[in-house]
Amino acid sequence: MKPTLIAVAAATALLAAPPALAQYFDGLKGKKLRTAIAAAQAHPLGSEKNPVRARGPEGERAYLARLRCADGSAPAFERQGSTGIGPYHNILDLYAVQCAGAAPLSVYIDMYHKHVEPAPLPGFTIVAP
């Protein structure tokens, strides 16, 4: 099969997917989202069960750039790729965040929100946006 035909076949399969599958790619909204955010607070910020909420790829990078290590320096960070579906029914991005001399920390971010996260990850401080 040619690459173009594969892409068309994949798109057709997604369009024909059951409606129940679509809910996992549309994200939660309203009361369901507020309930999921409240439940996520039981887990550390930046974990898979409580991802940082951000506004697009720019929001992800802006949040990470605002973090500060214990010595006041900005950590290095690198996107590792996209992972599975998070608690808000969106695809999560995974970043490796590292302070000098420390092991890298895995940080999950959900970029499908109109939100600027004010809280730092555990062990970090954060500067105002």
Foldseek 3Di string as FASTA:
>chain_A
DDPVVVVVVVVVCVVPDDPVVVQLAPFDDDPLQVVQQVVLVVDFEQDQSHAAEAAPPVRVVVFQQFKAAPVRHRWDKDWPAWDPGGSRSHIWTWMFTGDPPDGTDIGIYGNHDPDRDQADTPRIGGDDD
